[in-house]
């Protein structure tokens, strides 16, 4: 079981390997450990457009934080 939190200045839909997980700035359940491609929904006015991240050993209380920056 793994958890992430995608940080972004604003609300966007979070995608992992093209599948919708939930909204930015909230702790989200990801599932199994592994390498995932994360991206955001909405306009492409953020960087990076996609982020490949290895996720393992996280908890709801200590999620992996992934940041995207608004342009």
C-alpha atoms as a PDB file:
ATOM      1  CA  UNK A   1       0.000   0.000   0.000  1.00  0.00           C
ATOM      2  CA  UNK A   2       1.440   3.372  -1.002  1.00  0.00           C
ATOM      3  CA  UNK A   3       0.279   6.940  -0.692  1.00  0.00           C
ATOM      4  CA  UNK A   4       1.253  10.138  -2.504  1.00  0.00           C
ATOM      5  CA  UNK A   5       0.518  13.853  -2.308  1.00  0.00           C
ATOM      6  CA  UNK A   6       0.860  15.879  -5.495  1.00  0.00           C
ATOM      7  CA  UNK A   7       1.525  19.521  -4.678  1.00  0.00           C
ATOM      8  CA  UNK A   8       0.433  22.208  -7.144  1.00  0.00           C
ATOM      9  CA  UNK A   9      -0.696  25.836  -6.941  1.00  0.00           C
ATOM     10  CA  UNK A  10      -4.341  25.158  -7.719  1.00  0.00           C
ATOM     11  CA  UNK A  11      -6.705  22.224  -8.043  1.00  0.00           C
ATOM     12  CA  UNK A  12      -6.045  19.709 -10.819  1.00  0.00           C
ATOM     13  CA  UNK A  13      -6.809  16.064 -11.437  1.00  0.00           C
ATOM     14  CA  UNK A  14      -3.834  13.788 -10.736  1.00  0.00           C
ATOM     15  CA  UNK A  15      -3.063  10.921 -13.109  1.00  0.00           C
ATOM     16  CA  UNK A  16      -0.726   7.959 -12.553  1.00  0.00           C
ATOM     17  CA  UNK A  17       0.081   6.032 -15.728  1.00  0.00           C
ATOM     18  CA  UNK A  18      -2.922   7.702 -17.353  1.00  0.00           C
ATOM     19  CA  UNK A  19      -5.395   6.638 -14.642  1.00  0.00           C
ATOM     20  CA  UNK A  20      -7.208   9.226 -12.546  1.00  0.00           C
ATOM     21  CA  UNK A  21      -6.263   9.128  -8.839  1.00  0.00           C
ATOM     22  CA  UNK A  22      -7.882  12.224  -7.365  1.00  0.00           C
ATOM     23  CA  UNK A  23      -7.073  15.905  -6.811  1.00  0.00           C
ATOM     24  CA  UNK A  24      -3.871  17.811  -6.158  1.00  0.00           C
ATOM     25  CA  UNK A  25      -2.920  18.841  -2.608  1.00  0.00           C
ATOM     26  CA  UNK A  26      -4.657  15.810  -1.047  1.00  0.00           C
ATOM     27  CA  UNK A  27      -3.218  12.514   0.156  1.00  0.00           C
ATOM     28  CA  UNK A  28      -4.084   9.889  -2.462  1.00  0.00           C
ATOM     29  CA  UNK A  29      -3.971   6.093  -2.360  1.00  0.00           C
ATOM     30  CA  UNK A  30      -1.707   4.718  -5.075  1.00  0.00           C
ATOM     31  CA  UNK A  31      -1.476   0.995  -4.346  1.00  0.00           C
ATOM     32  CA  UNK A  32       1.499  -1.193  -5.165  1.00  0.00           C
ATOM     33  CA  UNK A  33       5.126  -0.096  -5.149  1.00  0.00           C
ATOM     34  CA  UNK A  34       6.620   0.660  -8.536  1.00  0.00           C
ATOM     35  CA  UNK A  35       7.585   3.335 -11.029  1.00  0.00           C
ATOM     36  CA  UNK A  36       4.759   5.572 -12.195  1.00  0.00           C
ATOM     37  CA  UNK A  37       4.346   8.427 -14.684  1.00  0.00           C
ATOM     38  CA  UNK A  38       2.473  11.271 -12.964  1.00  0.00           C
ATOM     39  CA  UNK A  39       0.732  14.115 -14.775  1.00  0.00           C
ATOM     40  CA  UNK A  40      -2.029  16.648 -14.180  1.00  0.00           C
ATOM     41  CA  UNK A  41      -5.314  17.292 -15.948  1.00  0.00           C
ATOM     42  CA  UNK A  42      -6.314  20.650 -17.399  1.00  0.00           C
ATOM     43  CA  UNK A  43      -4.176  23.077 -19.382  1.00  0.00           C
ATOM     44  CA  UNK A  44      -0.506  22.221 -19.839  1.00  0.00           C
ATOM     45  CA  UNK A  45       0.690  25.378 -18.082  1.00  0.00           C
ATOM     46  CA  UNK A  46       2.831  23.485 -15.561  1.00  0.00           C
ATOM     47  CA  UNK A  47       6.251  21.848 -15.476  1.00  0.00           C
ATOM     48  CA  UNK A  48       7.273  19.164 -15.832  1.00  0.00           C
ATOM     49  CA  UNK A  49       4.382  17.913 -17.995  1.00  0.00           C
ATOM     50  CA  UNK A  50       5.089  14.367 -16.795  1.00  0.00           C
ATOM     51  CA  UNK A  51       7.150  13.090 -13.885  1.00  0.00           C
ATOM     52  CA  UNK A  52       8.442   9.503 -13.618  1.00  0.00           C
ATOM     53  CA  UNK A  53       8.758   8.554  -9.931  1.00  0.00           C
ATOM     54  CA  UNK A  54       9.647   5.378  -8.008  1.00  0.00           C
ATOM     55  CA  UNK A  55       7.163   4.902  -5.165  1.00  0.00           C
ATOM     56  CA  UNK A  56       7.625   2.496  -2.254  1.00  0.00           C
ATOM     57  CA  UNK A  57       7.441   2.358   1.531  1.00  0.00           C
ATOM     58  CA  UNK A  58       4.980   5.222   1.982  1.00  0.00           C
ATOM     59  CA  UNK A  59       2.085   5.543   4.415  1.00  0.00           C
ATOM     60  CA  UNK A  60      -0.985   7.726   4.623  1.00  0.00           C
ATOM     61  CA  UNK A  61       0.731   9.703   7.401  1.00  0.00           C
ATOM     62  CA  UNK A  62       3.979   9.964   5.381  1.00  0.00           C
ATOM     63  CA  UNK A  63       3.058  10.092   1.678  1.00  0.00           C
ATOM     64  CA  UNK A  64       5.585  10.670  -1.076  1.00  0.00           C
ATOM     65  CA  UNK A  65       5.318  14.342  -2.069  1.00  0.00           C
ATOM     66  CA  UNK A  66       5.473  15.064  -5.807  1.00  0.00           C
ATOM     67  CA  UNK A  67       5.643  18.687  -6.941  1.00  0.00           C
ATOM     68  CA  UNK A  68       4.553  20.367 -10.147  1.00  0.00           C
ATOM     69  CA  UNK A  69       5.144  24.078 -10.800  1.00  0.00           C
ATOM     70  CA  UNK A  70       2.712  26.460 -12.489  1.00  0.00           C
ATOM     71  CA  UNK A  71       4.147  28.501 -15.370  1.00  0.00           C
END
